[in-house]
Amino acid sequence: MDLFSTSVILAAGHRLRISVTSSNYPRYETNLNNGLPWPDMLEGPEYAVTVNVHHEPGAASYLEVPDPSREAGDYTTCP
């Protein structure tokens, strides 16, 4: 999933927190999780949803955080 370009510089010792959600209101319209196409989904029923973060081998979710002190092209990817 492409999270779009972002640029944040963290000071040494700072931590990064990740929140996983199925919406991003008000940047995007509220996701009612009803599976209807736009714009019908805005008028349809609203359903609760469970967001899964996969961690089993071969299907693990991950976040790649680049290190600006590394050489260009020197990076690690998850298998």
C-alpha atoms as a PDB file:
ATOM      1  CA  MET A   1       0.000   0.000   0.000  1.00  0.00           C
ATOM      2  CA  ASP A   2       1.491   3.299  -1.032  1.00  0.00           C
ATOM      3  CA  LEU A   3       1.096   5.785   1.808  1.00  0.00           C
ATOM      4  CA  PHE A   4       2.056   8.677  -0.479  1.00  0.00           C
ATOM      5  CA  SER A   5       5.228  10.676  -0.154  1.00  0.00           C
ATOM      6  CA  THR A   6       6.004  11.951   3.302  1.00  0.00           C
ATOM      7  CA  SER A   7       9.038  13.566   4.831  1.00  0.00           C
ATOM      8  CA  VAL A   8       9.677  13.640   8.538  1.00  0.00           C
ATOM      9  CA  ILE A   9      13.036  13.884  10.253  1.00  0.00           C
ATOM     10  CA  LEU A  10      13.114  12.327  13.702  1.00  0.00           C
ATOM     11  CA  ALA A  11      15.658  13.525  16.235  1.00  0.00           C
ATOM     12  CA  ALA A  12      17.904  10.898  17.800  1.00  0.00           C
ATOM     13  CA  GLY A  13      16.069   9.044  20.563  1.00  0.00           C
ATOM     14  CA  HIS A  14      12.593   9.891  19.309  1.00  0.00           C
ATOM     15  CA  ARG A  15      10.109   7.109  18.597  1.00  0.00           C
ATOM     16  CA  LEU A  16       7.707   6.510  15.751  1.00  0.00           C
ATOM     17  CA  ARG A  17       4.114   5.394  16.400  1.00  0.00           C
ATOM     18  CA  ILE A  18       2.004   3.808  13.677  1.00  0.00           C
ATOM     19  CA  SER A  19      -1.793   3.824  13.732  1.00  0.00           C
ATOM     20  CA  VAL A  20      -3.533   1.399  11.381  1.00  0.00           C
ATOM     21  CA  THR A  21      -7.059   2.377  10.356  1.00  0.00           C
ATOM     22  CA  SER A  22      -9.498   1.962   7.478  1.00  0.00           C
ATOM     23  CA  SER A  23     -10.162   5.689   7.139  1.00  0.00           C
ATOM     24  CA  ASN A  24      -8.434   9.052   6.986  1.00  0.00           C
ATOM     25  CA  TYR A  25     -11.211  11.572   7.670  1.00  0.00           C
ATOM     26  CA  PRO A  26     -11.251  14.531   6.952  1.00  0.00           C
ATOM     27  CA  ARG A  27      -8.553  14.089   4.279  1.00  0.00           C
ATOM     28  CA  TYR A  28     -10.817  11.551   2.576  1.00  0.00           C
ATOM     29  CA  GLU A  29     -14.519  10.825   2.919  1.00  0.00           C
ATOM     30  CA  THR A  30     -15.550   8.629   5.817  1.00  0.00           C
ATOM     31  CA  ASN A  31     -15.330   4.917   4.986  1.00  0.00           C
ATOM     32  CA  LEU A  32     -18.611   3.300   6.042  1.00  0.00           C
ATOM     33  CA  ASN A  33     -17.150  -0.159   5.221  1.00  0.00           C
ATOM     34  CA  ASN A  34     -20.280  -1.139   3.273  1.00  0.00           C
ATOM     35  CA  GLY A  35     -18.541  -2.126   0.025  1.00  0.00           C
ATOM     36  CA  LEU A  36     -20.728   0.118  -2.124  1.00  0.00           C
ATOM     37  CA  PRO A  37     -19.190   2.143  -4.985  1.00  0.00           C
ATOM     38  CA  TRP A  38     -18.730   5.907  -4.806  1.00  0.00           C
ATOM     39  CA  PRO A  39     -20.957   7.885  -4.227  1.00  0.00           C
ATOM     40  CA  ASP A  40     -23.533   5.268  -3.169  1.00  0.00           C
ATOM     41  CA  MET A  41     -21.352   4.279  -0.224  1.00  0.00           C
ATOM     42  CA  LEU A  42     -22.021   7.642   1.444  1.00  0.00           C
ATOM     43  CA  GLU A  43     -25.758   6.908   1.677  1.00  0.00           C
ATOM     44  CA  GLY A  44     -25.493   3.185   2.445  1.00  0.00           C
ATOM     45  CA  PRO A  45     -25.410   1.426   5.811  1.00  0.00           C
ATOM     46  CA  GLU A  46     -22.429   1.775   8.159  1.00  0.00           C
ATOM     47  CA  TYR A  47     -20.560  -1.311   9.378  1.00  0.00           C
ATOM     48  CA  ALA A  48     -17.877  -1.827  12.002  1.00  0.00           C
ATOM     49  CA  VAL A  49     -14.667  -3.282  10.617  1.00  0.00           C
ATOM     50  CA  THR A  50     -11.648  -5.137  11.955  1.00  0.00           C
ATOM     51  CA  VAL A  51      -8.290  -4.051  10.539  1.00  0.00           C
ATOM     52  CA  ASN A  52      -5.716  -6.853  10.338  1.00  0.00           C
ATOM     53  CA  VAL A  53      -1.946  -6.473  10.470  1.00  0.00           C
ATOM     54  CA  HIS A  54      -0.508  -9.640   8.952  1.00  0.00           C
ATOM     55  CA  HIS A  55       2.538 -11.158  10.594  1.00  0.00           C
ATOM     56  CA  GLU A  56       2.726 -14.738   9.342  1.00  0.00           C
ATOM     57  CA  PRO A  57       5.738 -15.746   7.195  1.00  0.00           C
ATOM     58  CA  GLY A  58       5.300 -14.841   3.543  1.00  0.00           C
ATOM     59  CA  ALA A  59       2.518 -12.312   4.182  1.00  0.00           C
ATOM     60  CA  ALA A  60       3.956 -10.030   6.823  1.00  0.00           C
ATOM     61  CA  SER A  61       3.003  -6.340   6.992  1.00  0.00           C
ATOM     62  CA  TYR A  62       5.941  -3.994   7.388  1.00  0.00           C
ATOM     63  CA  LEU A  63       6.985  -0.376   7.355  1.00  0.00           C
ATOM     64  CA  GLU A  64      10.149   0.616   5.544  1.00  0.00           C
ATOM     65  CA  VAL A  65      11.849   3.589   7.173  1.00  0.00           C
ATOM     66  CA  PRO A  66      14.815   4.890   5.183  1.00  0.00           C
ATOM     67  CA  ASP A  67      18.015   5.982   6.881  1.00  0.00           C
ATOM     68  CA  PRO A  68      19.196   9.248   5.271  1.00  0.00           C
ATOM     69  CA  SER A  69      22.819   8.468   6.163  1.00  0.00           C
ATOM     70  CA  ARG A  70      22.830   5.385   3.888  1.00  0.00           C
ATOM     71  CA  GLU A  71      24.256   5.424   0.390  1.00  0.00           C
ATOM     72  CA  ALA A  72      21.734   5.728  -2.465  1.00  0.00           C
ATOM     73  CA  GLY A  73      20.431   2.266  -3.356  1.00  0.00           C
ATOM     74  CA  ASP A  74      21.610   0.750  -0.046  1.00  0.00           C
ATOM     75  CA  TYR A  75      18.391  -0.457   1.504  1.00  0.00           C
ATOM     76  CA  THR A  76      16.806  -3.577   2.972  1.00  0.00           C
ATOM     77  CA  THR A  77      13.499  -5.010   1.857  1.00  0.00           C
ATOM     78  CA  CYS A  78      11.335  -7.580   3.592  1.00  0.00           C
ATOM     79  CA  PRO A  79      11.055 -10.969   1.868  1.00  0.00           C
END
